[in-house]
N, C-alpha and C. Protein backbone atom coordinates (compact mmCIF):
# COMPACT_ATOMS: atom_id res chain seq x y z
N MET A 1 49.38 319.53 14.68
CA MET A 1 50.43 318.59 15.00
C MET A 1 49.89 317.15 14.96
N LYS A 2 48.68 317.00 15.52
CA LYS A 2 48.07 315.68 15.56
C LYS A 2 47.84 315.14 14.15
N SER A 3 47.38 316.00 13.24
CA SER A 3 47.13 315.57 11.86
C SER A 3 48.44 315.25 11.15
N LEU A 4 49.51 315.95 11.48
CA LEU A 4 50.82 315.67 10.89
C LEU A 4 51.30 314.29 11.32
N ILE A 5 51.13 313.97 12.58
CA ILE A 5 51.55 312.66 13.10
C ILE A 5 50.71 311.56 12.47
N LEU A 6 49.39 311.78 12.37
CA LEU A 6 48.53 310.78 11.74
C LEU A 6 48.89 310.59 10.26
N SER A 7 49.18 311.68 9.58
CA SER A 7 49.59 311.58 8.17
C SER A 7 50.88 310.81 8.03
N LEU A 8 51.83 311.08 8.90
CA LEU A 8 53.12 310.38 8.87
C LEU A 8 52.94 308.89 9.15
N LEU A 9 52.13 308.56 10.14
CA LEU A 9 51.87 307.15 10.46
C LEU A 9 51.17 306.44 9.30
N SER A 10 50.24 307.13 8.65
CA SER A 10 49.56 306.55 7.48
C SER A 10 50.55 306.29 6.36
N PHE A 11 51.43 307.24 6.11
CA PHE A 11 52.44 307.09 5.06
C PHE A 11 53.34 305.90 5.36
N ILE A 12 53.81 305.79 6.60
CA ILE A 12 54.68 304.68 6.98
C ILE A 12 53.96 303.35 6.82
N SER A 13 52.71 303.30 7.24
CA SER A 13 51.92 302.07 7.12
C SER A 13 51.74 301.66 5.66
N ILE A 14 51.42 302.62 4.80
CA ILE A 14 51.24 302.34 3.37
C ILE A 14 52.56 301.88 2.76
N ALA A 15 53.66 302.55 3.11
CA ALA A 15 54.98 302.18 2.58
C ALA A 15 55.35 300.76 2.99
N GLN A 16 55.10 300.41 4.26
CA GLN A 16 55.41 299.06 4.73
C GLN A 16 54.56 298.02 4.01
N CYS A 17 53.29 298.31 3.81
CA CYS A 17 52.40 297.39 3.12
C CYS A 17 52.85 297.19 1.68
N SER A 18 53.21 298.27 1.02
CA SER A 18 53.68 298.22 -0.36
C SER A 18 54.97 297.41 -0.46
N PHE A 19 55.91 297.65 0.47
CA PHE A 19 57.17 296.92 0.48
C PHE A 19 56.93 295.43 0.71
N ALA A 20 56.06 295.11 1.66
CA ALA A 20 55.76 293.70 1.94
C ALA A 20 55.11 293.04 0.73
N GLN A 21 54.20 293.75 0.06
CA GLN A 21 53.55 293.19 -1.12
C GLN A 21 54.56 292.95 -2.23
N ASN A 22 55.46 293.91 -2.47
CA ASN A 22 56.49 293.72 -3.48
C ASN A 22 57.41 292.56 -3.14
N SER A 23 57.73 292.39 -1.85
CA SER A 23 58.59 291.28 -1.43
C SER A 23 57.92 289.94 -1.74
N VAL A 24 56.62 289.85 -1.53
CA VAL A 24 55.88 288.62 -1.82
C VAL A 24 55.89 288.35 -3.32
N ILE A 25 55.64 289.38 -4.11
CA ILE A 25 55.64 289.24 -5.57
C ILE A 25 57.04 288.87 -6.06
N GLU A 26 58.07 289.52 -5.52
CA GLU A 26 59.44 289.21 -5.92
C GLU A 26 59.76 287.75 -5.64
N GLN A 27 59.39 287.25 -4.46
CA GLN A 27 59.68 285.86 -4.12
C GLN A 27 58.88 284.91 -5.02
N GLU A 28 57.66 285.28 -5.36
CA GLU A 28 56.84 284.47 -6.27
C GLU A 28 57.52 284.34 -7.63
N ILE A 29 58.06 285.43 -8.16
CA ILE A 29 58.73 285.41 -9.46
C ILE A 29 60.03 284.62 -9.37
N ILE A 30 60.79 284.80 -8.31
CA ILE A 30 62.04 284.05 -8.13
C ILE A 30 61.75 282.55 -8.09
N ASN A 31 60.71 282.16 -7.36
CA ASN A 31 60.34 280.74 -7.29
C ASN A 31 59.87 280.22 -8.65
N LEU A 32 59.11 281.03 -9.36
CA LEU A 32 58.63 280.65 -10.69
C LEU A 32 59.81 280.45 -11.64
N SER A 33 60.79 281.32 -11.56
CA SER A 33 61.98 281.20 -12.41
C SER A 33 62.74 279.91 -12.10
N LYS A 34 62.91 279.61 -10.81
CA LYS A 34 63.59 278.37 -10.43
C LYS A 34 62.84 277.15 -10.96
N GLU A 35 61.51 277.17 -10.83
CA GLU A 35 60.69 276.07 -11.36
C GLU A 35 60.88 275.94 -12.87
N LYS A 36 60.92 277.09 -13.55
CA LYS A 36 61.09 277.10 -15.00
C LYS A 36 62.38 276.39 -15.39
N TRP A 37 63.49 276.68 -14.68
CA TRP A 37 64.77 276.02 -14.98
C TRP A 37 64.63 274.51 -14.82
N GLN A 38 63.92 274.07 -13.79
CA GLN A 38 63.74 272.62 -13.58
C GLN A 38 62.87 272.03 -14.68
N TRP A 39 61.80 272.73 -15.06
CA TRP A 39 60.94 272.25 -16.14
C TRP A 39 61.72 272.15 -17.45
N MET A 40 62.61 273.13 -17.68
CA MET A 40 63.43 273.09 -18.90
C MET A 40 64.36 271.88 -18.85
N SER A 41 64.95 271.62 -17.70
CA SER A 41 65.84 270.47 -17.55
C SER A 41 65.09 269.16 -17.76
N ASP A 42 63.87 269.10 -17.21
CA ASP A 42 63.05 267.88 -17.32
C ASP A 42 62.27 267.79 -18.63
N LYS A 43 62.41 268.80 -19.49
CA LYS A 43 61.73 268.88 -20.79
C LYS A 43 60.20 268.82 -20.63
N LYS A 44 59.69 269.50 -19.63
CA LYS A 44 58.25 269.54 -19.37
C LYS A 44 57.61 270.66 -20.20
N VAL A 45 57.49 270.40 -21.49
CA VAL A 45 57.02 271.44 -22.41
C VAL A 45 55.57 271.84 -22.16
N ASP A 46 54.76 270.96 -21.58
CA ASP A 46 53.37 271.32 -21.28
C ASP A 46 53.32 272.42 -20.22
N LEU A 47 54.16 272.31 -19.19
CA LEU A 47 54.21 273.34 -18.15
C LEU A 47 54.83 274.62 -18.70
N LEU A 48 55.87 274.47 -19.51
CA LEU A 48 56.51 275.64 -20.12
C LEU A 48 55.55 276.35 -21.06
N ASP A 49 54.75 275.59 -21.80
CA ASP A 49 53.78 276.16 -22.72
C ASP A 49 52.80 277.07 -21.98
N SER A 50 52.39 276.65 -20.79
CA SER A 50 51.45 277.48 -20.02
C SER A 50 52.15 278.68 -19.38
N LEU A 51 53.46 278.58 -19.13
CA LEU A 51 54.21 279.68 -18.54
C LEU A 51 54.58 280.74 -19.57
N PHE A 52 54.97 280.31 -20.77
CA PHE A 52 55.42 281.24 -21.80
C PHE A 52 54.23 281.99 -22.40
N HIS A 53 54.35 283.30 -22.48
CA HIS A 53 53.33 284.12 -23.14
C HIS A 53 53.30 283.77 -24.62
N GLU A 54 52.15 283.88 -25.24
CA GLU A 54 52.01 283.56 -26.67
C GLU A 54 52.98 284.35 -27.55
N LYS A 55 53.30 285.57 -27.14
CA LYS A 55 54.20 286.42 -27.93
C LYS A 55 55.62 286.43 -27.38
N ALA A 56 55.96 285.46 -26.55
CA ALA A 56 57.28 285.41 -25.92
C ALA A 56 58.39 285.30 -26.96
N VAL A 57 59.53 285.91 -26.62
CA VAL A 57 60.72 285.82 -27.46
C VAL A 57 61.89 285.31 -26.62
N PHE A 58 62.78 284.58 -27.28
CA PHE A 58 63.92 283.97 -26.63
C PHE A 58 65.17 284.34 -27.43
N VAL A 59 66.15 284.92 -26.74
CA VAL A 59 67.37 285.36 -27.40
C VAL A 59 68.52 284.49 -26.91
N HIS A 60 69.10 283.76 -27.85
CA HIS A 60 70.23 282.86 -27.57
C HIS A 60 71.48 283.39 -28.25
N MET A 61 72.60 282.75 -28.00
CA MET A 61 73.85 283.14 -28.66
C MET A 61 73.73 282.96 -30.17
N GLY A 62 72.92 281.99 -30.60
CA GLY A 62 72.80 281.71 -32.03
C GLY A 62 71.63 282.37 -32.72
N GLY A 63 70.85 283.18 -32.01
CA GLY A 63 69.74 283.86 -32.65
C GLY A 63 68.52 283.96 -31.77
N ASN A 64 67.41 284.36 -32.39
CA ASN A 64 66.15 284.58 -31.68
C ASN A 64 65.17 283.46 -32.00
N MET A 65 64.29 283.17 -31.04
CA MET A 65 63.27 282.15 -31.23
C MET A 65 61.92 282.63 -30.73
N THR A 66 60.87 282.10 -31.34
CA THR A 66 59.51 282.31 -30.86
C THR A 66 59.21 281.28 -29.78
N LYS A 67 58.07 281.42 -29.15
CA LYS A 67 57.63 280.44 -28.15
C LYS A 67 57.58 279.05 -28.76
N GLU A 68 56.94 278.93 -29.91
CA GLU A 68 56.78 277.63 -30.56
C GLU A 68 58.14 277.00 -30.88
N HIS A 69 59.05 277.81 -31.40
CA HIS A 69 60.38 277.31 -31.74
C HIS A 69 61.13 276.85 -30.49
N GLU A 70 61.09 277.68 -29.43
CA GLU A 70 61.77 277.33 -28.18
C GLU A 70 61.23 276.02 -27.61
N LEU A 71 59.91 275.87 -27.58
CA LEU A 71 59.31 274.63 -27.06
C LEU A 71 59.72 273.43 -27.91
N ASN A 72 59.75 273.58 -29.21
CA ASN A 72 60.16 272.48 -30.10
C ASN A 72 61.62 272.11 -29.90
N VAL A 73 62.46 273.11 -29.69
CA VAL A 73 63.89 272.83 -29.45
C VAL A 73 64.07 272.07 -28.14
N ILE A 74 63.33 272.46 -27.12
CA ILE A 74 63.41 271.77 -25.83
C ILE A 74 62.87 270.34 -25.96
N LYS A 75 61.71 270.20 -26.59
CA LYS A 75 61.08 268.88 -26.74
C LYS A 75 61.97 267.92 -27.53
N SER A 76 62.58 268.41 -28.61
CA SER A 76 63.40 267.55 -29.47
C SER A 76 64.77 267.28 -28.89
N GLY A 77 65.18 268.07 -27.89
CA GLY A 77 66.52 267.90 -27.33
C GLY A 77 67.58 268.68 -28.09
N GLY A 78 67.17 269.55 -29.02
CA GLY A 78 68.13 270.39 -29.74
C GLY A 78 68.97 271.20 -28.76
N ILE A 79 68.33 271.67 -27.70
CA ILE A 79 69.02 272.23 -26.53
C ILE A 79 68.42 271.52 -25.31
N TRP A 80 69.29 270.89 -24.54
CA TRP A 80 68.85 270.29 -23.28
C TRP A 80 69.49 271.10 -22.16
N TYR A 81 68.67 271.85 -21.47
CA TYR A 81 69.13 272.65 -20.34
C TYR A 81 69.29 271.71 -19.14
N LYS A 82 70.43 271.03 -19.06
CA LYS A 82 70.61 270.01 -18.03
C LYS A 82 70.57 270.58 -16.62
N LYS A 83 71.35 271.66 -16.40
CA LYS A 83 71.39 272.22 -15.04
C LYS A 83 71.80 273.68 -15.09
N ALA A 84 70.98 274.49 -14.46
CA ALA A 84 71.31 275.91 -14.29
C ALA A 84 71.74 276.11 -12.84
N ASP A 85 73.02 276.37 -12.64
CA ASP A 85 73.55 276.65 -11.31
C ASP A 85 73.44 278.16 -11.10
N ILE A 86 72.48 278.57 -10.28
CA ILE A 86 72.18 280.00 -10.09
C ILE A 86 73.07 280.56 -8.98
N GLN A 87 73.88 281.58 -9.34
CA GLN A 87 74.75 282.22 -8.35
C GLN A 87 74.13 283.49 -7.77
N GLU A 88 73.45 284.27 -8.59
CA GLU A 88 72.87 285.54 -8.14
C GLU A 88 71.52 285.75 -8.78
N VAL A 89 70.63 286.39 -8.06
CA VAL A 89 69.32 286.75 -8.58
C VAL A 89 69.00 288.17 -8.13
N SER A 90 68.51 288.97 -9.06
CA SER A 90 67.98 290.28 -8.68
C SER A 90 66.69 290.48 -9.46
N ILE A 91 65.80 291.28 -8.90
CA ILE A 91 64.50 291.46 -9.53
C ILE A 91 64.01 292.89 -9.32
N ASN A 92 63.35 293.40 -10.35
CA ASN A 92 62.71 294.72 -10.29
C ASN A 92 61.27 294.56 -10.75
N ILE A 93 60.35 295.11 -9.98
CA ILE A 93 58.93 295.11 -10.34
C ILE A 93 58.57 296.51 -10.81
N ILE A 94 58.01 296.58 -12.00
CA ILE A 94 57.56 297.86 -12.56
C ILE A 94 56.10 297.65 -12.97
N GLY A 95 55.19 298.07 -12.13
CA GLY A 95 53.77 297.87 -12.41
C GLY A 95 53.45 296.39 -12.50
N SER A 96 52.95 295.95 -13.65
CA SER A 96 52.60 294.54 -13.84
C SER A 96 53.68 293.79 -14.63
N THR A 97 54.91 294.32 -14.57
CA THR A 97 56.05 293.70 -15.24
C THR A 97 57.14 293.42 -14.21
N ALA A 98 57.73 292.23 -14.29
CA ALA A 98 58.84 291.87 -13.42
C ALA A 98 60.05 291.54 -14.29
N ILE A 99 61.18 292.15 -13.96
CA ILE A 99 62.42 291.89 -14.68
C ILE A 99 63.37 291.19 -13.71
N LEU A 100 63.72 289.96 -14.06
CA LEU A 100 64.56 289.15 -13.21
C LEU A 100 65.89 288.91 -13.92
N LEU A 101 66.98 289.11 -13.20
CA LEU A 101 68.31 288.80 -13.72
C LEU A 101 68.88 287.64 -12.93
N ASN A 102 69.28 286.59 -13.64
CA ASN A 102 69.95 285.44 -13.04
C ASN A 102 71.38 285.41 -13.55
N ARG A 103 72.32 285.29 -12.65
CA ARG A 103 73.70 285.01 -13.06
C ARG A 103 73.89 283.52 -12.82
N ILE A 104 74.13 282.79 -13.90
CA ILE A 104 74.15 281.33 -13.81
C ILE A 104 75.37 280.74 -14.52
N THR A 105 75.65 279.51 -14.18
CA THR A 105 76.51 278.66 -15.00
C THR A 105 75.57 277.59 -15.53
N LEU A 106 75.46 277.51 -16.85
CA LEU A 106 74.52 276.59 -17.48
C LEU A 106 75.26 275.40 -18.07
N LEU A 107 74.85 274.22 -17.63
CA LEU A 107 75.31 272.97 -18.23
C LEU A 107 74.22 272.55 -19.20
N ALA A 108 74.56 272.46 -20.47
CA ALA A 108 73.57 272.14 -21.49
C ALA A 108 74.17 271.18 -22.51
N VAL A 109 73.27 270.52 -23.23
CA VAL A 109 73.67 269.73 -24.39
C VAL A 109 73.09 270.44 -25.60
N VAL A 110 73.99 270.89 -26.48
CA VAL A 110 73.59 271.62 -27.67
C VAL A 110 74.13 270.88 -28.88
N GLY A 111 73.23 270.42 -29.74
CA GLY A 111 73.66 269.69 -30.92
C GLY A 111 74.46 268.45 -30.59
N GLY A 112 74.13 267.80 -29.47
CA GLY A 112 74.81 266.58 -29.07
C GLY A 112 76.08 266.80 -28.27
N ASN A 113 76.51 268.04 -28.10
CA ASN A 113 77.74 268.36 -27.35
C ASN A 113 77.39 268.99 -26.01
N GLU A 114 78.01 268.44 -24.94
CA GLU A 114 77.80 269.01 -23.62
C GLU A 114 78.69 270.25 -23.47
N VAL A 115 78.08 271.36 -23.06
CA VAL A 115 78.80 272.62 -22.89
C VAL A 115 78.42 273.26 -21.57
N THR A 116 79.37 274.02 -21.02
CA THR A 116 79.11 274.78 -19.80
C THR A 116 79.49 276.22 -20.10
N ASN A 117 78.55 277.13 -19.83
CA ASN A 117 78.78 278.55 -20.09
C ASN A 117 78.23 279.40 -18.95
N PRO A 118 78.96 280.49 -18.64
CA PRO A 118 78.43 281.46 -17.67
C PRO A 118 77.55 282.47 -18.41
N PHE A 119 76.39 282.75 -17.86
CA PHE A 119 75.45 283.68 -18.47
C PHE A 119 74.85 284.61 -17.43
N THR A 120 74.44 285.78 -17.89
CA THR A 120 73.41 286.54 -17.22
C THR A 120 72.17 286.32 -18.06
N VAL A 121 71.12 285.85 -17.44
CA VAL A 121 69.87 285.58 -18.13
C VAL A 121 68.85 286.61 -17.66
N THR A 122 68.31 287.34 -18.62
CA THR A 122 67.27 288.33 -18.33
C THR A 122 65.92 287.71 -18.63
N GLU A 123 65.07 287.65 -17.64
CA GLU A 123 63.72 287.12 -17.80
C GLU A 123 62.73 288.25 -17.53
N VAL A 124 61.82 288.46 -18.46
CA VAL A 124 60.79 289.48 -18.28
C VAL A 124 59.45 288.77 -18.15
N TYR A 125 58.79 289.00 -17.03
CA TYR A 125 57.47 288.41 -16.76
C TYR A 125 56.43 289.52 -16.80
N VAL A 126 55.27 289.21 -17.37
CA VAL A 126 54.15 290.15 -17.38
C VAL A 126 52.97 289.48 -16.70
N GLN A 127 52.22 290.28 -15.96
CA GLN A 127 51.05 289.73 -15.29
C GLN A 127 49.85 289.87 -16.21
N GLN A 128 49.18 288.75 -16.43
CA GLN A 128 48.05 288.70 -17.34
C GLN A 128 46.92 287.91 -16.67
N ASN A 129 45.82 288.58 -16.42
CA ASN A 129 44.67 287.94 -15.76
C ASN A 129 45.08 287.28 -14.43
N GLY A 130 45.92 287.96 -13.66
CA GLY A 130 46.34 287.46 -12.35
C GLY A 130 47.41 286.38 -12.39
N THR A 131 47.93 286.07 -13.58
CA THR A 131 48.94 285.03 -13.74
C THR A 131 50.20 285.63 -14.36
N TRP A 132 51.35 285.21 -13.87
CA TRP A 132 52.61 285.68 -14.43
C TRP A 132 52.98 284.82 -15.63
N LYS A 133 53.33 285.48 -16.73
CA LYS A 133 53.75 284.81 -17.97
C LYS A 133 55.14 285.31 -18.34
N LEU A 134 55.96 284.41 -18.84
CA LEU A 134 57.29 284.79 -19.30
C LEU A 134 57.16 285.40 -20.68
N GLY A 135 57.56 286.66 -20.83
CA GLY A 135 57.44 287.36 -22.09
C GLY A 135 58.74 287.40 -22.88
N SER A 136 59.86 287.29 -22.17
CA SER A 136 61.15 287.35 -22.84
C SER A 136 62.21 286.69 -21.97
N MET A 137 63.14 286.01 -22.65
CA MET A 137 64.26 285.38 -21.96
C MET A 137 65.48 285.55 -22.86
N SER A 138 66.49 286.24 -22.33
CA SER A 138 67.70 286.53 -23.12
C SER A 138 68.94 286.05 -22.38
N PHE A 139 69.80 285.37 -23.11
CA PHE A 139 71.06 284.86 -22.58
C PHE A 139 72.19 285.78 -23.03
N THR A 140 72.95 286.29 -22.06
CA THR A 140 74.15 287.08 -22.36
C THR A 140 75.34 286.32 -21.79
N LYS A 141 76.21 285.85 -22.68
CA LYS A 141 77.38 285.08 -22.23
C LYS A 141 78.37 286.01 -21.55
N LEU A 142 78.85 285.58 -20.38
CA LEU A 142 79.82 286.35 -19.61
C LEU A 142 81.23 285.96 -20.05
N LEU A 143 82.14 286.88 -19.92
CA LEU A 143 83.53 286.61 -20.33
C LEU A 143 84.24 285.72 -19.34
N THR A 144 83.85 285.77 -18.07
CA THR A 144 84.48 284.92 -17.05
C THR A 144 83.39 284.20 -16.28
N ARG A 145 83.77 283.11 -15.68
CA ARG A 145 82.83 282.36 -14.84
C ARG A 145 82.70 283.07 -13.50
N PRO A 146 81.54 282.93 -12.86
CA PRO A 146 81.36 283.55 -11.53
C PRO A 146 82.47 283.08 -10.58
N GLY A 147 83.00 284.00 -9.80
CA GLY A 147 84.06 283.67 -8.86
C GLY A 147 85.46 283.82 -9.41
N GLU A 148 85.58 284.05 -10.72
CA GLU A 148 86.92 284.20 -11.31
C GLU A 148 87.36 285.64 -11.26
């Protein structure tokens, strides 16, 4: 009986530690994502360059881009991510991969035209040498705006 109780207490302790660790990692990724949106708005391509994985892919309504292409579009103002109004965030950690979903309303300037669109944005982060890197970012346009 004593060993059963000790085993149960060990299991609970390990589960709590694992949950707390995941919560810390989840908050780290959520904060990193928020910073990324600000860096995109401020066109801080040097910070984005260090965040984006070398093999990162970006999926937009108009097609796919590589890291280099995405950075050039941001730097040139081809797309200016003026403001991402984040309504919902969810995150799943799978090993050294984090999948974050943002439901946002994005105010952007595209080709000189200011546009506002509701999106679910899927961000996939991978941990590499103790650092989180953005490996993929995909925009899915929603049919209705949040709250409608």
